[in-house]
Every structure is written in structure tokens, then in C-alpha cells.
Amino acid sequence: MTAKILLVEDDQNFGDVLRSYLEMNEYDVNLASDGEMGLQEFNKSDYDLCILDVMMPKKDGFTLAKDIRQKDKETPIIFLTAKTLKEDVLEGFKIGADDYISKPFNSEELLYRVQAILKRSAKSEDPEEDTKEFTLGKYHFNYPLRILTFNGTDKEKLSPKEAHLLRLFCIYKNDVLPRSIALTKIWGEDNYFTARSMDVFVTKLRKYLAKDDALEIVNIHGNGFRLLEGEG
């Protein structure tokens, strides 16, 4: 089914461009020009995702998100903003945002994030989200025990963060794992220092998985990582 998106953006030209781009990629998009109109539109229909500009007249994006969260705790929210202050980013995540994109941004970057969040939202209703053990090529990963086994014999005990990150990669296998999602879930904060820490852990996981040529963790520039499982 086509995902339905509520886009709330007070810059009419920019909003029209974003709506057209998302519609070109087969999303059903409803555009509202301010926060009050956005809330009215949200109350009229069910949406799979909300994309909210932060700085808007009548009702800013943060206030709108709070109103939405009072009614609906689950619908994913992406904030669009020209502000990149750490306090604003944290405020957005505290309200319940799923992602945060700073203007100016590449339309393709937004599309990647929309796709990733919608897939994650779908996976949250998938039994795989509760899966404790995973198969990756020639590896078996037991998440509760934090044990990664190669070919049934060669075992590696992972640290808690390594295990948590590998589990996310398993859930998102062959899809993009957005950096912001991994950082907020595992490190509790998305900033320069936690991002560098995550890079270290990704490097460690690459070494653990290096025995199977069919597995590869690749960088998706400006977005995150993708664990690819090929035929080897």
C-alpha cells in the first residue's frame, strides 16, 4: 500500500517541491502551510509519517509534534530545520521525533530517511523485531548471550554495544540503518562524539564478519550504514 505522509512546511515553494518529489517516488502526500493547519489535517486522517518544519507561524513544529503525540504515540515524525543547535536536536528527540534533517539538504537524503523510517515502522509490527537469534551468511548470532559463531565452531563474545549494534544491522539487513537511529537507541544521543564512537564499533563489527566474503557493511554517505548479505 502507498504510504500516506503529512508534510507541514510554511515555505510554499519549498513545500511544493518536496511534495512533488515524494509523490514522484509514489508516496501520497498532504501539504499543510502552518502548524495549526497541520494539526487539523492530522486529525482528519491517518498518516504513516509526519514531516514537520520546526520554524512555522501560528504553531511551531515542536508544539505541533507535542499535540500529535498526545493523540498518537506511534506515527513517525521527521523534523526539518535550519537550526542545528544541540539543544534543539535533543528537544526534538525528547518530544518523540524519529529523525531530524537540517536545511539545506539533498532531496535524495530525505527520501532515504523516509524509506528507512517507514521500513522500521513496519518492522516494529513484525515478529523479527523480537527475534533473539539471527543468521548472517556463515555466522549465527545469539543476541541475549552476545555470542557470534562462525561455521558452528569459532565463537566471539561481543560487548553489549557491539551486540546491540549488530542486532540493529540484522534487523535492517540489506536496508539502510540510519546513523541517527542507531545513535539514539544505543548511545542515547546523536552528536559528533557519539558518532565517532559508533564508527569505531562499526569497524569492530567489520572485523568480526570478515571471515565471510558474502557479508559487507558499507557507508551510505550522509545517512548511515547498510549490512549487505550477498551470495559469497
Protein backbone atom coordinates (compact mmCIF):
# COMPACT_ATOMS: atom_id res chain seq x y z
CA MET A 1 0.00 0.00 0.00
CA THR A 2 1.10 3.59 -0.68
CA ALA A 3 2.36 5.30 2.45
CA LYS A 4 0.50 8.48 3.40
CA ILE A 5 2.65 11.42 4.51
CA LEU A 6 1.67 14.68 6.20
CA LEU A 7 4.12 17.42 5.19
CA VAL A 8 3.87 20.67 7.16
CA GLU A 9 6.04 23.44 5.69
CA ASP A 10 5.35 27.18 5.66
CA ASP A 11 7.60 27.91 2.67
CA GLN A 12 5.06 27.21 -0.06
CA ASN A 13 7.59 26.86 -2.90
CA PHE A 14 9.84 24.55 -0.89
CA GLY A 15 6.83 22.56 0.30
CA ASP A 16 5.53 22.15 -3.25
CA VAL A 17 8.95 20.90 -4.42
CA LEU A 18 9.17 18.36 -1.59
CA ARG A 19 5.62 17.17 -2.13
CA SER A 20 6.21 16.70 -5.86
CA TYR A 21 9.46 14.82 -5.23
CA LEU A 22 7.85 12.46 -2.73
CA GLU A 23 4.84 11.94 -5.00
CA MET A 24 7.26 11.07 -7.84
CA ASN A 25 8.50 8.32 -5.55
CA GLU A 26 4.94 7.00 -5.12
CA TYR A 27 4.03 8.48 -1.73
CA ASP A 28 0.63 10.03 -1.01
CA VAL A 29 1.46 13.48 0.38
CA ASN A 30 -0.79 16.08 2.02
CA LEU A 31 0.83 19.53 2.39
CA ALA A 32 -0.15 21.99 5.13
CA SER A 33 1.30 25.52 5.27
CA ASP A 34 1.39 26.14 9.05
CA GLY A 35 1.25 24.29 12.36
CA GLU A 36 -2.45 24.88 13.04
CA MET A 37 -3.43 23.64 9.59
CA GLY A 38 -1.09 20.71 10.07
CA LEU A 39 -2.86 19.66 13.26
CA GLN A 40 -6.26 20.00 11.56
CA GLU A 41 -5.09 17.77 8.71
CA PHE A 42 -3.58 15.22 11.11
CA ASN A 43 -6.88 15.00 13.00
CA LYS A 44 -8.79 14.39 9.76
CA SER A 45 -6.92 11.32 8.58
CA ASP A 46 -4.48 8.54 9.41
CA TYR A 47 -0.86 9.04 8.33
CA ASP A 48 2.12 6.73 8.09
CA LEU A 49 4.63 9.56 8.60
CA CYS A 50 4.72 13.27 9.50
CA ILE A 51 7.41 15.63 8.18
CA LEU A 52 7.32 18.88 10.17
CA ASP A 53 9.21 22.13 9.66
CA VAL A 54 10.31 23.49 13.05
CA MET A 55 10.05 27.25 12.46
CA MET A 56 6.46 28.00 11.40
CA PRO A 57 3.83 30.67 12.11
CA LYS A 58 0.80 30.08 14.37
CA LYS A 59 2.21 26.83 15.76
CA ASP A 60 5.86 25.77 15.54
CA GLY A 61 6.91 22.22 14.68
CA PHE A 62 7.83 21.23 18.25
CA THR A 63 4.42 22.34 19.57
CA LEU A 64 2.69 20.57 16.70
CA ALA A 65 4.63 17.39 17.44
CA LYS A 66 3.60 17.55 21.11
CA ASP A 67 -0.04 17.90 20.04
CA ILE A 68 0.34 14.94 17.69
CA ARG A 69 1.99 12.83 20.40
CA GLN A 70 -0.91 13.49 22.77
CA LYS A 71 -3.19 11.78 20.27
CA ASP A 72 -0.79 9.34 18.64
CA LYS A 73 2.38 7.87 20.18
CA GLU A 74 3.38 5.75 17.19
CA THR A 75 3.26 7.73 13.92
CA PRO A 76 6.88 8.53 12.96
CA ILE A 77 7.94 12.20 12.88
CA ILE A 78 10.79 13.83 10.96
CA PHE A 79 11.75 17.42 11.77
CA LEU A 80 13.04 19.81 9.09
CA THR A 81 15.00 22.77 10.41
CA ALA A 82 17.59 25.40 9.55
CA LYS A 83 18.78 25.26 13.17
CA THR A 84 21.44 22.76 14.15
CA LEU A 85 21.84 23.58 17.84
CA LYS A 86 22.36 20.52 20.01
CA GLU A 87 19.60 21.69 22.36
CA ASP A 88 17.08 21.84 19.51
CA VAL A 89 18.02 18.38 18.28
CA LEU A 90 17.66 16.92 21.77
CA GLU A 91 14.34 18.72 22.24
CA GLY A 92 13.06 17.11 19.06
CA PHE A 93 14.04 13.61 20.17
CA LYS A 94 12.59 14.18 23.66
CA ILE A 95 9.24 15.03 22.07
CA GLY A 96 9.37 11.77 20.18
CA ALA A 97 10.94 12.55 16.81
CA ASP A 98 12.31 9.69 14.75
CA ASP A 99 14.74 11.80 12.74
CA TYR A 100 16.00 15.36 12.30
CA ILE A 101 17.19 16.85 9.00
CA SER A 102 18.97 20.20 8.80
CA LYS A 103 18.34 22.54 5.87
CA PRO A 104 19.65 22.72 3.25
CA PHE A 105 19.53 19.02 2.47
CA ASN A 106 19.58 16.79 -0.57
CA SER A 107 16.15 15.51 -1.62
CA GLU A 108 17.62 12.04 -2.04
CA GLU A 109 18.80 12.14 1.58
CA LEU A 110 15.25 12.89 2.73
CA LEU A 111 13.96 10.03 0.58
CA TYR A 112 16.48 7.60 2.15
CA ARG A 113 15.38 8.63 5.63
CA VAL A 114 11.68 8.40 4.79
CA GLN A 115 12.18 4.91 3.38
CA ALA A 116 14.22 3.79 6.39
CA ILE A 117 11.74 5.12 8.94
CA LEU A 118 8.74 3.61 7.16
CA LYS A 119 10.51 0.26 6.98
CA ARG A 120 11.42 0.46 10.65
CA SER A 121 7.81 1.35 11.48
CA ALA A 122 6.64 -1.69 9.54
CA LYS A 123 9.25 -3.88 11.24
CA SER A 124 8.05 -2.77 14.68
CA GLU A 125 4.93 -4.79 13.96
CA ASP A 126 6.99 -7.65 12.57
CA PRO A 127 7.91 -10.66 14.75
CA GLU A 128 11.54 -10.17 13.63
CA GLU A 129 11.72 -7.13 15.93
CA ASP A 130 11.55 -9.57 18.86
CA THR A 131 13.95 -12.07 17.32
CA LYS A 132 16.81 -13.03 19.62
CA GLU A 133 18.89 -15.12 17.22
CA PHE A 134 19.94 -14.33 13.67
CA THR A 135 21.69 -16.00 10.74
CA LEU A 136 24.14 -13.90 8.73
CA GLY A 137 25.77 -15.84 5.93
CA LYS A 138 28.02 -18.39 7.68
CA TYR A 139 27.51 -16.72 11.06
CA HIS A 140 24.98 -17.35 13.80
CA PHE A 141 24.32 -14.51 16.24
CA ASN A 142 22.78 -15.12 19.65
CA TYR A 143 21.81 -11.65 20.86
CA PRO A 144 20.90 -12.43 24.53
CA LEU A 145 24.21 -14.28 25.03
CA ARG A 146 26.11 -11.80 22.81
CA ILE A 147 27.83 -14.68 21.02
CA LEU A 148 28.73 -14.56 17.31
CA THR A 149 29.57 -18.00 15.92
CA PHE A 150 31.29 -18.69 12.59
CA ASN A 151 30.69 -22.08 10.92
CA GLY A 152 29.33 -23.52 14.15
CA THR A 153 32.65 -23.59 16.00
CA ASP A 154 34.53 -20.28 16.02
CA LYS A 155 32.87 -18.16 18.73
CA GLU A 156 33.31 -14.47 19.58
CA LYS A 157 31.86 -12.83 22.71
CA LEU A 158 30.65 -9.31 21.88
CA SER A 159 30.42 -6.31 24.18
CA PRO A 160 26.91 -5.02 24.99
CA LYS A 161 27.20 -2.13 22.50
CA GLU A 162 28.66 -4.40 19.80
CA ALA A 163 25.79 -6.84 20.28
CA HIS A 164 23.14 -4.10 20.26
CA LEU A 165 24.57 -2.57 17.08
CA LEU A 166 24.87 -5.93 15.33
CA ARG A 167 21.25 -6.70 16.25
CA LEU A 168 20.13 -3.45 14.57
CA PHE A 169 22.17 -4.37 11.49
CA CYS A 170 20.47 -7.78 11.45
CA ILE A 171 17.00 -6.22 11.67
CA TYR A 172 17.87 -3.75 8.88
CA LYS A 173 19.84 -6.30 6.82
CA ASN A 174 20.20 -5.11 3.20
CA ASP A 175 18.41 -1.86 4.15
CA VAL A 176 19.87 1.44 5.34
CA LEU A 177 20.35 1.71 9.10
CA PRO A 178 20.19 5.48 9.70
CA ARG A 179 23.05 6.70 11.88
CA SER A 180 20.67 8.84 13.97
CA ILE A 181 18.50 5.85 14.86
CA ALA A 182 21.46 3.71 15.97
CA LEU A 183 22.95 6.56 18.00
CA THR A 184 19.76 7.44 19.84
CA LYS A 185 18.88 3.78 20.51
CA ILE A 186 22.34 2.70 21.72
CA TRP A 187 24.21 5.83 22.82
CA GLY A 188 21.16 7.89 23.79
CA GLU A 189 22.41 10.93 21.92
CA ASP A 190 23.32 11.92 18.36
CA ASN A 191 26.36 14.20 18.34
CA TYR A 192 29.91 14.36 16.97
CA PHE A 193 31.43 12.32 19.78
CA THR A 194 28.85 9.53 19.81
CA ALA A 195 29.05 9.36 16.01
CA ARG A 196 32.83 8.84 16.20
CA SER A 197 32.28 6.17 18.84
CA MET A 198 29.81 4.42 16.56
CA ASP A 199 32.35 4.46 13.72
CA VAL A 200 34.77 2.57 15.99
CA PHE A 201 32.15 -0.08 16.74
CA VAL A 202 31.25 -0.45 13.05
CA THR A 203 34.94 -1.07 12.33
CA LYS A 204 34.98 -3.78 15.02
CA LEU A 205 31.91 -5.47 13.55
CA ARG A 206 33.50 -5.43 10.10
CA LYS A 207 36.47 -7.34 11.54
CA TYR A 208 34.19 -9.87 13.24
CA LEU A 209 32.32 -10.50 9.98
CA ALA A 210 35.39 -10.52 7.74
CA LYS A 211 35.56 -14.33 7.55
CA ASP A 212 32.51 -14.41 5.26
CA ASP A 213 33.05 -12.66 1.91
CA ALA A 214 29.29 -12.56 1.38
CA LEU A 215 28.89 -10.00 4.20
CA GLU A 216 29.80 -6.33 3.97
CA ILE A 217 28.95 -3.21 5.99
CA VAL A 218 29.00 -0.21 3.64
CA ASN A 219 28.78 3.51 4.35
CA ILE A 220 25.76 5.38 2.98
CA HIS A 221 27.13 8.92 2.82
CA GLY A 222 25.24 11.41 4.95
CA ASN A 223 22.76 8.81 6.17
CA GLY A 224 24.14 5.70 7.84
CA PHE A 225 25.24 2.16 7.03
CA ARG A 226 23.96 -0.91 5.24
CA LEU A 227 24.77 -4.53 6.09
CA LEU A 228 24.77 -6.36 2.77
CA GLU A 229 24.41 -10.12 2.56
CA GLY A 230 25.36 -11.47 -0.85
CA GLU A 231 25.98 -14.94 -2.20
CA GLY A 232 29.65 -15.06 -1.29
